[in-house]
Amino acid sequence: MNNIKEISIEEFEGLSIGHAQDDEAKTGVSVLYFKNGAKAGCDISGGGPASRETPLTSPLTADNPINAVVLSGGSAYGLAASDGVMHCLEEHNIGFDTGFSKVPLVCQSCIYDLGYGRSDVRPDSAMGYIACKNALGKTDSVMGNVGAGTGASVGKLLGMAQAQKSGLGIYVIKLGELKIAAVVVVNAFGDIFDPENGEKLAGLMDKERSNFMDIRDMFINIMTTPKNLFHTNTTIGCIITNADFDKAMLNKLAAMTRNAYARCIDPVGTMADGDSIYACSIGSVKADINLVGMLSAKVMEKAIKNAVIKSAISDEEYLRNCL
């Protein structure tokens, strides 16, 4: 692993990231824009996803490159953000040329953040437009409580008052000519762990918010009979690589990256989650899918860790925004 170098997201050619958020309402949008388009795959492991145009990532659909991946808050309401992203791209003459008009191809996934900040304010077309305009300018490398991570939280088995703040994380590596980046918004039902040492980084707190509780033990006690848990969670992310893969291999890459979720989040992929991962290829580097899959999971682990660490706030500030 000595040949692997951590690099900044700004060093990844063909990718730019823009954010927009409502800091009072605690929700936002993040746009990953691919200057030359991207082949894409997707893995959905959660039971309650809020998503848009994911069939574009299927090997059974036309092999047209997508222009952007949108990550947002707002639950299914937040899907409106892609309208603004499309309008912004159309204004810049970006999209699939149908012969009559250029139609931007945009995929989106949302987290449920309606229990933090305000539930009546969600990402809309205007916010999506601003985030896209920012992405067309230059890459924003800020992490934590920004964009789609503005209202993210984790460890919500016993409600928001015993959960903790999370956010958006980024991590990028380079191995020779190969580059791999992960962008993730961690809004998990479960607790977050550092897979390198097993340390719990964030999650379910006791009522006094002085110590962690074991969400797994609590889960076992509470779920002795089937319950309809609120779908208030989702970890959504994207792996971007300059390795040259088709859509079938990118779907496999997204599935292999899911190992990071399993190593860092527990429980994960429940019916109360909408866990989703996009995998996008924006280059021509020849690489082995097994190697890139292994590395992508490691890169996603680092991004998940950054999402938690970079978004940490005081208990007083966190509780002030819980509904």
C-alpha atoms as a PDB file:
ATOM      1  CA  MET A   1       0.000   0.000   0.000  1.00  0.00           C
ATOM      2  CA  ASN A   2       3.077   2.231   0.098  1.00  0.00           C
ATOM      3  CA  ASN A   3       2.566   3.241  -3.544  1.00  0.00           C
ATOM      4  CA  ILE A   4      -0.883   4.652  -2.811  1.00  0.00           C
ATOM      5  CA  LYS A   5      -0.990   8.401  -2.313  1.00  0.00           C
ATOM      6  CA  GLU A   6      -3.793  10.477  -0.849  1.00  0.00           C
ATOM      7  CA  ILE A   7      -4.565  13.427  -3.127  1.00  0.00           C
ATOM      8  CA  SER A   8      -7.064  16.283  -3.098  1.00  0.00           C
ATOM      9  CA  ILE A   9     -10.358  16.145  -4.972  1.00  0.00           C
ATOM     10  CA  GLU A  10      -9.194  19.128  -7.048  1.00  0.00           C
ATOM     11  CA  GLU A  11      -6.553  16.862  -8.638  1.00  0.00           C
ATOM     12  CA  PHE A  12      -9.217  14.600 -10.181  1.00  0.00           C
ATOM     13  CA  GLU A  13      -9.615  15.787 -13.775  1.00  0.00           C
ATOM     14  CA  GLY A  14     -13.091  15.662 -15.289  1.00  0.00           C
ATOM     15  CA  LEU A  15     -14.884  15.852 -11.921  1.00  0.00           C
ATOM     16  CA  SER A  16     -16.124  18.913 -10.082  1.00  0.00           C
ATOM     17  CA  ILE A  17     -18.324  19.266  -7.001  1.00  0.00           C
ATOM     18  CA  GLY A  18     -20.676  22.067  -6.011  1.00  0.00           C
ATOM     19  CA  HIS A  19     -22.916  22.541  -2.983  1.00  0.00           C
ATOM     20  CA  ALA A  20     -25.870  24.623  -1.897  1.00  0.00           C
ATOM     21  CA  GLN A  21     -27.671  24.529   1.429  1.00  0.00           C
ATOM     22  CA  ASP A  22     -30.125  26.241   3.733  1.00  0.00           C
ATOM     23  CA  ASP A  23     -28.147  26.624   6.953  1.00  0.00           C
ATOM     24  CA  GLU A  24     -31.253  27.568   8.947  1.00  0.00           C
ATOM     25  CA  ALA A  25     -33.459  24.719   7.724  1.00  0.00           C
ATOM     26  CA  LYS A  26     -30.475  22.299   7.793  1.00  0.00           C
ATOM     27  CA  THR A  27     -30.779  20.695   4.372  1.00  0.00           C
ATOM     28  CA  GLY A  28     -28.882  20.909   1.115  1.00  0.00           C
ATOM     29  CA  VAL A  29     -27.720  19.609  -2.245  1.00  0.00           C
ATOM     30  CA  SER A  30     -24.384  18.388  -3.610  1.00  0.00           C
ATOM     31  CA  VAL A  31     -23.766  18.025  -7.352  1.00  0.00           C
ATOM     32  CA  LEU A  32     -21.034  15.858  -8.843  1.00  0.00           C
ATOM     33  CA  TYR A  33     -20.566  17.123 -12.392  1.00  0.00           C
ATOM     34  CA  PHE A  34     -18.697  15.120 -15.006  1.00  0.00           C
ATOM     35  CA  LYS A  35     -17.246  17.434 -17.615  1.00  0.00           C
ATOM     36  CA  ASN A  36     -16.910  14.755 -20.291  1.00  0.00           C
ATOM     37  CA  GLY A  37     -19.742  12.546 -19.100  1.00  0.00           C
ATOM     38  CA  ALA A  38     -19.517   9.342 -17.089  1.00  0.00           C
ATOM     39  CA  LYS A  39     -20.478   5.725 -17.476  1.00  0.00           C
ATOM     40  CA  ALA A  40     -22.265   4.720 -14.287  1.00  0.00           C
ATOM     41  CA  GLY A  41     -23.424   1.780 -12.221  1.00  0.00           C
ATOM     42  CA  CYS A  42     -25.431   1.684  -9.004  1.00  0.00           C
ATOM     43  CA  ASP A  43     -25.925  -0.562  -5.991  1.00  0.00           C
ATOM     44  CA  ILE A  44     -29.012  -0.121  -3.779  1.00  0.00           C
ATOM     45  CA  SER A  45     -28.904  -2.182  -0.606  1.00  0.00           C
ATOM     46  CA  GLY A  46     -31.319  -0.265   1.632  1.00  0.00           C
ATOM     47  CA  GLY A  47     -35.030  -0.960   1.781  1.00  0.00           C
ATOM     48  CA  GLY A  48     -36.254   2.632   1.449  1.00  0.00           C
ATOM     49  CA  PRO A  49     -34.342   4.519  -1.261  1.00  0.00           C
ATOM     50  CA  ALA A  50     -35.381   7.887  -2.667  1.00  0.00           C
ATOM     51  CA  SER A  51     -33.824   8.015  -6.121  1.00  0.00           C
ATOM     52  CA  ARG A  52     -34.162   9.377  -9.638  1.00  0.00           C
ATOM     53  CA  GLU A  53     -33.109   7.973 -13.034  1.00  0.00           C
ATOM     54  CA  THR A  54     -31.217   5.018 -11.565  1.00  0.00           C
ATOM     55  CA  PRO A  55     -32.282   2.869 -14.568  1.00  0.00           C
ATOM     56  CA  LEU A  56     -29.671   4.869 -16.530  1.00  0.00           C
ATOM     57  CA  THR A  57     -27.055   2.850 -14.615  1.00  0.00           C
ATOM     58  CA  SER A  58     -28.418  -0.517 -15.732  1.00  0.00           C
ATOM     59  CA  PRO A  59     -26.440  -2.504 -18.327  1.00  0.00           C
ATOM     60  CA  LEU A  60     -29.805  -3.206 -19.976  1.00  0.00           C
ATOM     61  CA  THR A  61     -30.379   0.453 -20.856  1.00  0.00           C
ATOM     62  CA  ALA A  62     -28.736   2.591 -23.546  1.00  0.00           C
ATOM     63  CA  ASP A  63     -25.035   3.208 -23.048  1.00  0.00           C
ATOM     64  CA  ASN A  64     -25.308   6.996 -22.805  1.00  0.00           C
ATOM     65  CA  PRO A  65     -22.971   8.814 -20.420  1.00  0.00           C
ATOM     66  CA  ILE A  66     -24.588  10.676 -17.530  1.00  0.00           C
ATOM     67  CA  ASN A  67     -23.742  14.309 -16.839  1.00  0.00           C
ATOM     68  CA  ALA A  68     -24.142  14.478 -13.069  1.00  0.00           C
ATOM     69  CA  VAL A  69     -24.936  12.661  -9.844  1.00  0.00           C
ATOM     70  CA  VAL A  70     -26.977  14.645  -7.347  1.00  0.00           C
ATOM     71  CA  LEU A  71     -26.961  13.899  -3.617  1.00  0.00           C
ATOM     72  CA  SER A  72     -29.483  15.746  -1.481  1.00  0.00           C
ATOM     73  CA  GLY A  73     -31.503  15.985   1.678  1.00  0.00           C
ATOM     74  CA  GLY A  74     -35.277  16.297   1.788  1.00  0.00           C
ATOM     75  CA  SER A  75     -36.234  12.639   1.403  1.00  0.00           C
ATOM     76  CA  ALA A  76     -38.302  12.099  -1.767  1.00  0.00           C
ATOM     77  CA  TYR A  77     -39.208  15.805  -1.791  1.00  0.00           C
ATOM     78  CA  GLY A  78     -35.547  16.539  -2.463  1.00  0.00           C
ATOM     79  CA  LEU A  79     -35.755  14.878  -5.867  1.00  0.00           C
ATOM     80  CA  ALA A  80     -37.012  18.235  -7.130  1.00  0.00           C
ATOM     81  CA  ALA A  81     -33.401  19.471  -6.934  1.00  0.00           C
ATOM     82  CA  SER A  82     -32.549  17.636 -10.147  1.00  0.00           C
ATOM     83  CA  ASP A  83     -34.956  19.865 -12.071  1.00  0.00           C
ATOM     84  CA  GLY A  84     -32.731  22.821 -11.257  1.00  0.00           C
ATOM     85  CA  VAL A  85     -29.608  20.860 -12.104  1.00  0.00           C
ATOM     86  CA  MET A  86     -31.084  20.018 -15.506  1.00  0.00           C
ATOM     87  CA  HIS A  87     -32.024  23.639 -16.172  1.00  0.00           C
ATOM     88  CA  CYS A  88     -28.519  24.783 -15.287  1.00  0.00           C
ATOM     89  CA  LEU A  89     -26.882  22.189 -17.525  1.00  0.00           C
ATOM     90  CA  GLU A  90     -29.290  22.983 -20.354  1.00  0.00           C
ATOM     91  CA  GLU A  91     -28.357  26.677 -20.121  1.00  0.00           C
ATOM     92  CA  HIS A  92     -24.738  25.638 -20.642  1.00  0.00           C
ATOM     93  CA  ASN A  93     -25.629  23.433 -23.636  1.00  0.00           C
ATOM     94  CA  ILE A  94     -24.809  20.247 -21.707  1.00  0.00           C
ATOM     95  CA  GLY A  95     -26.744  17.019 -22.194  1.00  0.00           C
ATOM     96  CA  PHE A  96     -27.587  14.139 -24.508  1.00  0.00           C
ATOM     97  CA  ASP A  97     -28.293  15.430 -28.000  1.00  0.00           C
ATOM     98  CA  THR A  98     -31.660  14.082 -29.116  1.00  0.00           C
ATOM     99  CA  GLY A  99     -31.565  16.020 -32.376  1.00  0.00           C
ATOM    100  CA  PHE A 100     -34.195  18.486 -31.163  1.00  0.00           C
ATOM    101  CA  SER A 101     -32.815  19.385 -27.761  1.00  0.00           C
ATOM    102  CA  LYS A 102     -30.023  18.455 -25.422  1.00  0.00           C
ATOM    103  CA  VAL A 103     -31.375  16.540 -22.432  1.00  0.00           C
ATOM    104  CA  PRO A 104     -29.074  16.418 -19.368  1.00  0.00           C
ATOM    105  CA  LEU A 105     -28.837  12.927 -17.879  1.00  0.00           C
ATOM    106  CA  VAL A 106     -28.877  13.250 -14.107  1.00  0.00           C
ATOM    107  CA  CYS A 107     -29.105  10.564 -11.417  1.00  0.00           C
ATOM    108  CA  GLN A 108     -30.028  11.435  -7.843  1.00  0.00           C
ATOM    109  CA  SER A 109     -30.354   9.917  -4.378  1.00  0.00           C
ATOM    110  CA  CYS A 110     -31.672  11.589  -1.211  1.00  0.00           C
ATOM    111  CA  ILE A 111     -31.279  11.237   2.528  1.00  0.00           C
ATOM    112  CA  TYR A 112     -34.079  11.714   5.040  1.00  0.00           C
ATOM    113  CA  ASP A 113     -33.183  14.818   7.066  1.00  0.00           C
ATOM    114  CA  LEU A 114     -36.690  16.084   7.872  1.00  0.00           C
ATOM    115  CA  GLY A 115     -36.181  15.475  11.600  1.00  0.00           C
ATOM    116  CA  TYR A 116     -33.351  17.978  11.837  1.00  0.00           C
ATOM    117  CA  GLY A 117     -33.708  21.716  11.298  1.00  0.00           C
ATOM    118  CA  ARG A 118     -37.068  22.215   9.570  1.00  0.00           C
ATOM    119  CA  SER A 119     -39.264  19.538   8.020  1.00  0.00           C
ATOM    120  CA  ASP A 120     -41.141  21.975   5.783  1.00  0.00           C
ATOM    121  CA  VAL A 121     -38.076  23.218   3.883  1.00  0.00           C
ATOM    122  CA  ARG A 122     -36.512  20.806   1.410  1.00  0.00           C
ATOM    123  CA  PRO A 123     -34.059  21.051  -1.478  1.00  0.00           C
ATOM    124  CA  ASP A 124     -35.891  22.372  -4.517  1.00  0.00           C
ATOM    125  CA  SER A 125     -35.164  23.294  -8.102  1.00  0.00           C
ATOM    126  CA  ALA A 126     -33.639  26.647  -7.105  1.00  0.00           C
ATOM    127  CA  MET A 127     -31.217  25.016  -4.671  1.00  0.00           C
ATOM    128  CA  GLY A 128     -30.276  22.377  -7.232  1.00  0.00           C
ATOM    129  CA  TYR A 129     -29.597  25.106  -9.789  1.00  0.00           C
ATOM    130  CA  ILE A 130     -27.225  26.924  -7.406  1.00  0.00           C
ATOM    131  CA  ALA A 131     -25.373  23.719  -6.516  1.00  0.00           C
ATOM    132  CA  CYS A 132     -24.939  22.860 -10.194  1.00  0.00           C
ATOM    133  CA  LYS A 133     -23.769  26.378 -11.033  1.00  0.00           C
ATOM    134  CA  ASN A 134     -21.184  26.074  -8.266  1.00  0.00           C
ATOM    135  CA  ALA A 135     -20.079  22.688  -9.629  1.00  0.00           C
ATOM    136  CA  LEU A 136     -19.593  24.184 -13.084  1.00  0.00           C
ATOM    137  CA  GLY A 137     -17.296  26.793 -11.538  1.00  0.00           C
ATOM    138  CA  LYS A 138     -14.778  24.802  -9.536  1.00  0.00           C
ATOM    139  CA  THR A 139     -14.594  21.868  -7.147  1.00  0.00           C
ATOM    140  CA  ASP A 140     -15.539  22.540  -3.541  1.00  0.00           C
ATOM    141  CA  SER A 141     -13.437  20.330  -1.259  1.00  0.00           C
ATOM    142  CA  VAL A 142     -15.236  21.302   1.976  1.00  0.00           C
ATOM    143  CA  MET A 143     -16.517  18.398   4.073  1.00  0.00           C
ATOM    144  CA  GLY A 144     -18.893  17.998   6.998  1.00  0.00           C
ATOM    145  CA  ASN A 145     -22.032  20.119   7.379  1.00  0.00           C
ATOM    146  CA  VAL A 146     -22.229  21.199   3.765  1.00  0.00           C
ATOM    147  CA  GLY A 147     -24.514  20.444   0.836  1.00  0.00           C
ATOM    148  CA  ALA A 148     -26.364  17.145   1.192  1.00  0.00           C
ATOM    149  CA  GLY A 149     -24.609  16.537   4.516  1.00  0.00           C
ATOM    150  CA  THR A 150     -26.100  19.613   6.191  1.00  0.00           C
ATOM    151  CA  GLY A 151     -28.899  17.685   7.917  1.00  0.00           C
ATOM    152  CA  ALA A 152     -27.303  14.239   8.215  1.00  0.00           C
ATOM    153  CA  SER A 153     -27.267  12.337  11.510  1.00  0.00           C
ATOM    154  CA  VAL A 154     -26.547   8.798  12.757  1.00  0.00           C
ATOM    155  CA  GLY A 155     -27.596   6.376  15.497  1.00  0.00           C
ATOM    156  CA  LYS A 156     -31.345   7.053  15.405  1.00  0.00           C
ATOM    157  CA  LEU A 157     -32.897   3.908  16.883  1.00  0.00           C
ATOM    158  CA  LEU A 158     -34.225   5.852  19.909  1.00  0.00           C
ATOM    159  CA  GLY A 159     -34.955   9.106  18.102  1.00  0.00           C
ATOM    160  CA  MET A 160     -33.107  12.272  17.183  1.00  0.00           C
ATOM    161  CA  ALA A 161     -32.440  13.367  20.780  1.00  0.00           C
ATOM    162  CA  GLN A 162     -30.112  10.390  21.279  1.00  0.00           C
ATOM    163  CA  ALA A 163     -28.509  10.508  17.837  1.00  0.00           C
ATOM    164  CA  GLN A 164     -25.416  12.427  16.676  1.00  0.00           C
ATOM    165  CA  LYS A 165     -24.520  14.753  13.829  1.00  0.00           C
ATOM    166  CA  SER A 166     -22.892  13.438  10.687  1.00  0.00           C
ATOM    167  CA  GLY A 167     -22.343  14.933   7.239  1.00  0.00           C
ATOM    168  CA  LEU A 168     -20.533  14.719   3.924  1.00  0.00           C
ATOM    169  CA  GLY A 169     -17.121  13.096   3.503  1.00  0.00           C
ATOM    170  CA  ILE A 170     -14.579  12.926   0.678  1.00  0.00           C
ATOM    171  CA  TYR A 171     -11.441  10.856   0.180  1.00  0.00           C
ATOM    172  CA  VAL A 172      -9.245  10.443  -2.916  1.00  0.00           C
ATOM    173  CA  ILE A 173      -6.243   8.239  -3.738  1.00  0.00           C
ATOM    174  CA  LYS A 174      -3.815   7.770  -6.612  1.00  0.00           C
ATOM    175  CA  LEU A 175      -1.949   4.585  -7.549  1.00  0.00           C
ATOM    176  CA  GLY A 176       0.214   5.200 -10.588  1.00  0.00           C
ATOM    177  CA  GLU A 177      -2.177   6.576 -13.203  1.00  0.00           C
ATOM    178  CA  LEU A 178      -5.231   5.164 -11.414  1.00  0.00           C
ATOM    179  CA  LYS A 179      -7.359   7.559  -9.370  1.00  0.00           C
ATOM    180  CA  ILE A 180     -10.300   6.721  -7.113  1.00  0.00           C
ATOM    181  CA  ALA A 181     -12.490   9.205  -5.230  1.00  0.00           C
ATOM    182  CA  ALA A 182     -15.339   8.649  -2.804  1.00  0.00           C
ATOM    183  CA  VAL A 183     -18.013  11.179  -1.884  1.00  0.00           C
ATOM    184  CA  VAL A 184     -20.522  10.069   0.756  1.00  0.00           C
ATOM    185  CA  VAL A 185     -23.345  11.465   2.876  1.00  0.00           C
ATOM    186  CA  VAL A 186     -23.651   9.423   6.070  1.00  0.00           C
ATOM    187  CA  ASN A 187     -27.185   9.485   7.473  1.00  0.00           C
ATOM    188  CA  ALA A 188     -27.290   6.006   8.921  1.00  0.00           C
ATOM    189  CA  PHE A 189     -29.788   4.242  11.135  1.00  0.00           C
ATOM    190  CA  GLY A 190     -26.812   2.489  12.747  1.00  0.00           C
ATOM    191  CA  ASP A 191     -23.626   3.411  14.580  1.00  0.00           C
ATOM    192  CA  ILE A 192     -20.396   4.391  12.799  1.00  0.00           C
ATOM    193  CA  PHE A 193     -17.132   2.559  13.465  1.00  0.00           C
ATOM    194  CA  ASP A 194     -13.513   2.914  12.422  1.00  0.00           C
ATOM    195  CA  PRO A 195     -12.797  -0.468  10.781  1.00  0.00           C
ATOM    196  CA  GLU A 196      -9.071  -0.103  11.417  1.00  0.00           C
ATOM    197  CA  ASN A 197      -9.418  -0.412  15.190  1.00  0.00           C
ATOM    198  CA  GLY A 198     -13.124  -1.020  15.901  1.00  0.00           C
ATOM    199  CA  GLU A 199     -13.529   2.347  17.632  1.00  0.00           C
ATOM    200  CA  LYS A 200     -17.059   3.740  17.675  1.00  0.00           C
ATOM    201  CA  LEU A 201     -16.949   7.180  16.086  1.00  0.00           C
ATOM    202  CA  ALA A 202     -20.582   8.263  16.366  1.00  0.00           C
ATOM    203  CA  GLY A 203     -24.035   6.880  16.976  1.00  0.00           C
ATOM    204  CA  LEU A 204     -26.615   6.106  19.633  1.00  0.00           C
ATOM    205  CA  MET A 205     -26.160   8.032  22.892  1.00  0.00           C
ATOM    206  CA  ASP A 206     -27.735   7.536  26.324  1.00  0.00           C
ATOM    207  CA  LYS A 207     -30.398   9.998  27.496  1.00  0.00           C
ATOM    208  CA  GLU A 208     -27.797  12.162  29.237  1.00  0.00           C
ATOM    209  CA  ARG A 209     -25.647  12.160  26.087  1.00  0.00           C
ATOM    210  CA  SER A 210     -22.651  11.259  28.221  1.00  0.00           C
ATOM    211  CA  ASN A 211     -21.909   7.781  26.866  1.00  0.00           C
ATOM    212  CA  PHE A 212     -22.497   5.646  23.820  1.00  0.00           C
ATOM    213  CA  MET A 213     -25.087   2.899  23.944  1.00  0.00           C
ATOM    214  CA  ASP A 214     -24.750  -0.337  21.957  1.00  0.00           C
ATOM    215  CA  ILE A 215     -27.302   0.030  19.194  1.00  0.00           C
ATOM    216  CA  ARG A 216     -27.025  -3.659  18.390  1.00  0.00           C
ATOM    217  CA  ASP A 217     -28.133  -4.743  21.873  1.00  0.00           C
ATOM    218  CA  MET A 218     -30.935  -2.180  21.874  1.00  0.00           C
ATOM    219  CA  PHE A 219     -31.993  -3.312  18.411  1.00  0.00           C
ATOM    220  CA  ILE A 220     -32.261  -6.912  19.561  1.00  0.00           C
ATOM    221  CA  ASN A 221     -34.389  -5.910  22.566  1.00  0.00           C
ATOM    222  CA  ILE A 222     -36.698  -3.608  20.633  1.00  0.00           C
ATOM    223  CA  MET A 223     -37.158  -5.773  17.548  1.00  0.00           C
ATOM    224  CA  THR A 224     -38.269  -9.001  19.247  1.00  0.00           C
ATOM    225  CA  THR A 225     -41.450  -8.615  17.199  1.00  0.00           C
ATOM    226  CA  PRO A 226     -41.667  -7.078  13.690  1.00  0.00           C
ATOM    227  CA  LYS A 227     -42.039  -3.304  13.665  1.00  0.00           C
ATOM    228  CA  ASN A 228     -42.538  -0.744  10.921  1.00  0.00           C
ATOM    229  CA  LEU A 229     -39.557   1.522  11.538  1.00  0.00           C
ATOM    230  CA  PHE A 230     -39.707   5.041  10.136  1.00  0.00           C
ATOM    231  CA  HIS A 231     -37.648   5.319   6.964  1.00  0.00           C
ATOM    232  CA  THR A 232     -35.571   8.166   8.365  1.00  0.00           C
ATOM    233  CA  ASN A 233     -32.122   7.125   7.227  1.00  0.00           C
ATOM    234  CA  THR A 234     -29.901   6.585   4.218  1.00  0.00           C
ATOM    235  CA  THR A 235     -26.199   6.564   3.440  1.00  0.00           C
ATOM    236  CA  ILE A 236     -25.681   7.695  -0.143  1.00  0.00           C
ATOM    237  CA  GLY A 237     -22.357   7.846  -1.915  1.00  0.00           C
ATOM    238  CA  CYS A 238     -20.470   7.797  -5.164  1.00  0.00           C
ATOM    239  CA  ILE A 239     -17.206   6.206  -6.247  1.00  0.00           C
ATOM    240  CA  ILE A 240     -15.491   7.949  -9.144  1.00  0.00           C
ATOM    241  CA  THR A 241     -12.560   6.410 -10.983  1.00  0.00           C
ATOM    242  CA  ASN A 242     -10.542   7.141 -14.103  1.00  0.00           C
ATOM    243  CA  ALA A 243     -10.399   3.390 -14.777  1.00  0.00           C
ATOM    244  CA  ASP A 244     -12.187   2.399 -17.979  1.00  0.00           C
ATOM    245  CA  PHE A 245     -15.150   0.155 -17.103  1.00  0.00           C
ATOM    246  CA  ASP A 246     -18.482  -0.504 -18.798  1.00  0.00           C
ATOM    247  CA  LYS A 247     -21.795  -0.276 -16.969  1.00  0.00           C
ATOM    248  CA  ALA A 248     -21.843  -3.961 -16.037  1.00  0.00           C
ATOM    249  CA  MET A 249     -18.454  -3.683 -14.341  1.00  0.00           C
ATOM    250  CA  LEU A 250     -19.453  -0.404 -12.687  1.00  0.00           C
ATOM    251  CA  ASN A 251     -22.454  -2.110 -11.119  1.00  0.00           C
ATOM    252  CA  LYS A 252     -20.046  -4.722  -9.774  1.00  0.00           C
ATOM    253  CA  LEU A 253     -17.730  -1.955  -8.557  1.00  0.00           C
ATOM    254  CA  ALA A 254     -20.590  -0.290  -6.683  1.00  0.00           C
ATOM    255  CA  ALA A 255     -21.494  -3.635  -5.097  1.00  0.00           C
ATOM    256  CA  MET A 256     -17.892  -4.235  -4.003  1.00  0.00           C
ATOM    257  CA  THR A 257     -17.746  -0.739  -2.522  1.00  0.00           C
ATOM    258  CA  ARG A 258     -20.706  -1.677  -0.350  1.00  0.00           C
ATOM    259  CA  ASN A 259     -18.231  -3.614   1.799  1.00  0.00           C
ATOM    260  CA  ALA A 260     -17.217  -0.237   3.251  1.00  0.00           C
ATOM    261  CA  TYR A 261     -20.751   0.316   4.503  1.00  0.00           C
ATOM    262  CA  ALA A 262     -20.693  -3.092   6.188  1.00  0.00           C
ATOM    263  CA  ARG A 263     -17.328  -2.403   7.835  1.00  0.00           C
ATOM    264  CA  CYS A 264     -18.221   1.078   9.080  1.00  0.00           C
ATOM    265  CA  ILE A 265     -21.981   1.026   9.787  1.00  0.00           C
ATOM    266  CA  ASP A 266     -23.900  -1.358  12.048  1.00  0.00           C
ATOM    267  CA  PRO A 267     -26.754  -2.138  11.525  1.00  0.00           C
ATOM    268  CA  VAL A 268     -26.710  -1.294   7.820  1.00  0.00           C
ATOM    269  CA  GLY A 269     -28.884  -1.868   4.764  1.00  0.00           C
ATOM    270  CA  THR A 270     -32.072  -2.242   6.831  1.00  0.00           C
ATOM    271  CA  MET A 271     -35.591  -1.567   5.648  1.00  0.00           C
ATOM    272  CA  ALA A 272     -35.266   1.758   7.511  1.00  0.00           C
ATOM    273  CA  ASP A 273     -32.331   2.743   5.286  1.00  0.00           C
ATOM    274  CA  GLY A 274     -32.144   3.712   1.622  1.00  0.00           C
ATOM    275  CA  ASP A 275     -28.447   2.922   1.257  1.00  0.00           C
ATOM    276  CA  SER A 276     -27.195   3.528  -2.283  1.00  0.00           C
ATOM    277  CA  ILE A 277     -23.823   3.760  -4.035  1.00  0.00           C
ATOM    278  CA  TYR A 278     -23.067   5.042  -7.527  1.00  0.00           C
ATOM    279  CA  ALA A 279     -19.889   4.051  -9.347  1.00  0.00           C
ATOM    280  CA  CYS A 280     -18.757   6.311 -12.183  1.00  0.00           C
ATOM    281  CA  SER A 281     -15.989   5.922 -14.756  1.00  0.00           C
ATOM    282  CA  ILE A 282     -14.580   9.116 -16.275  1.00  0.00           C
ATOM    283  CA  GLY A 283     -11.283   7.965 -17.719  1.00  0.00           C
ATOM    284  CA  SER A 284      -9.444   5.514 -19.933  1.00  0.00           C
ATOM    285  CA  VAL A 285      -6.924   3.951 -17.541  1.00  0.00           C
ATOM    286  CA  LYS A 286      -6.781   0.169 -17.856  1.00  0.00           C
ATOM    287  CA  ALA A 287      -7.175  -1.474 -14.459  1.00  0.00           C
ATOM    288  CA  ASP A 288      -8.309  -4.740 -12.888  1.00  0.00           C
ATOM    289  CA  ILE A 289     -11.870  -4.577 -11.560  1.00  0.00           C
ATOM    290  CA  ASN A 290     -10.952  -6.666  -8.504  1.00  0.00           C
ATOM    291  CA  LEU A 291      -8.149  -4.298  -7.512  1.00  0.00           C
ATOM    292  CA  VAL A 292     -10.274  -1.201  -8.080  1.00  0.00           C
ATOM    293  CA  GLY A 293     -13.155  -2.769  -6.140  1.00  0.00           C
ATOM    294  CA  MET A 294     -10.928  -3.531  -3.164  1.00  0.00           C
ATOM    295  CA  LEU A 295      -9.431  -0.038  -3.204  1.00  0.00           C
ATOM    296  CA  SER A 296     -12.826   1.619  -3.668  1.00  0.00           C
ATOM    297  CA  ALA A 297     -14.119   0.009  -0.478  1.00  0.00           C
ATOM    298  CA  LYS A 298     -11.064   1.309   1.385  1.00  0.00           C
ATOM    299  CA  VAL A 299     -11.491   4.801  -0.055  1.00  0.00           C
ATOM    300  CA  MET A 300     -15.180   4.793   0.907  1.00  0.00           C
ATOM    301  CA  GLU A 301     -14.248   3.779   4.466  1.00  0.00           C
ATOM    302  CA  LYS A 302     -12.039   6.863   4.726  1.00  0.00           C
ATOM    303  CA  ALA A 303     -14.765   9.084   3.292  1.00  0.00           C
ATOM    304  CA  ILE A 304     -17.300   7.750   5.825  1.00  0.00           C
ATOM    305  CA  LYS A 305     -14.864   8.481   8.644  1.00  0.00           C
ATOM    306  CA  ASN A 306     -14.339  12.013   7.316  1.00  0.00           C
ATOM    307  CA  ALA A 307     -18.100  12.546   7.108  1.00  0.00           C
ATOM    308  CA  VAL A 308     -18.404  11.932  10.840  1.00  0.00           C
ATOM    309  CA  ILE A 309     -15.262  13.688  12.025  1.00  0.00           C
ATOM    310  CA  LYS A 310     -15.651  16.806   9.884  1.00  0.00           C
ATOM    311  CA  SER A 311     -19.287  17.368  10.923  1.00  0.00           C
ATOM    312  CA  ALA A 312     -18.918  17.064  14.714  1.00  0.00           C
ATOM    313  CA  ILE A 313     -20.692  19.830  16.649  1.00  0.00           C
ATOM    314  CA  SER A 314     -21.526  20.466  20.306  1.00  0.00           C
ATOM    315  CA  ASP A 315     -24.450  18.632  21.909  1.00  0.00           C
ATOM    316  CA  GLU A 316     -26.078  21.991  22.591  1.00  0.00           C
ATOM    317  CA  GLU A 317     -26.002  22.997  18.938  1.00  0.00           C
ATOM    318  CA  TYR A 318     -27.141  19.557  17.781  1.00  0.00           C
ATOM    319  CA  LEU A 319     -30.129  19.387  20.139  1.00  0.00           C
ATOM    320  CA  ARG A 320     -31.196  22.918  19.251  1.00  0.00           C
ATOM    321  CA  ASN A 321     -31.952  21.705  15.714  1.00  0.00           C
ATOM    322  CA  CYS A 322     -33.675  18.415  16.527  1.00  0.00           C
ATOM    323  CA  LEU A 323     -37.425  18.255  15.931  1.00  0.00           C
END
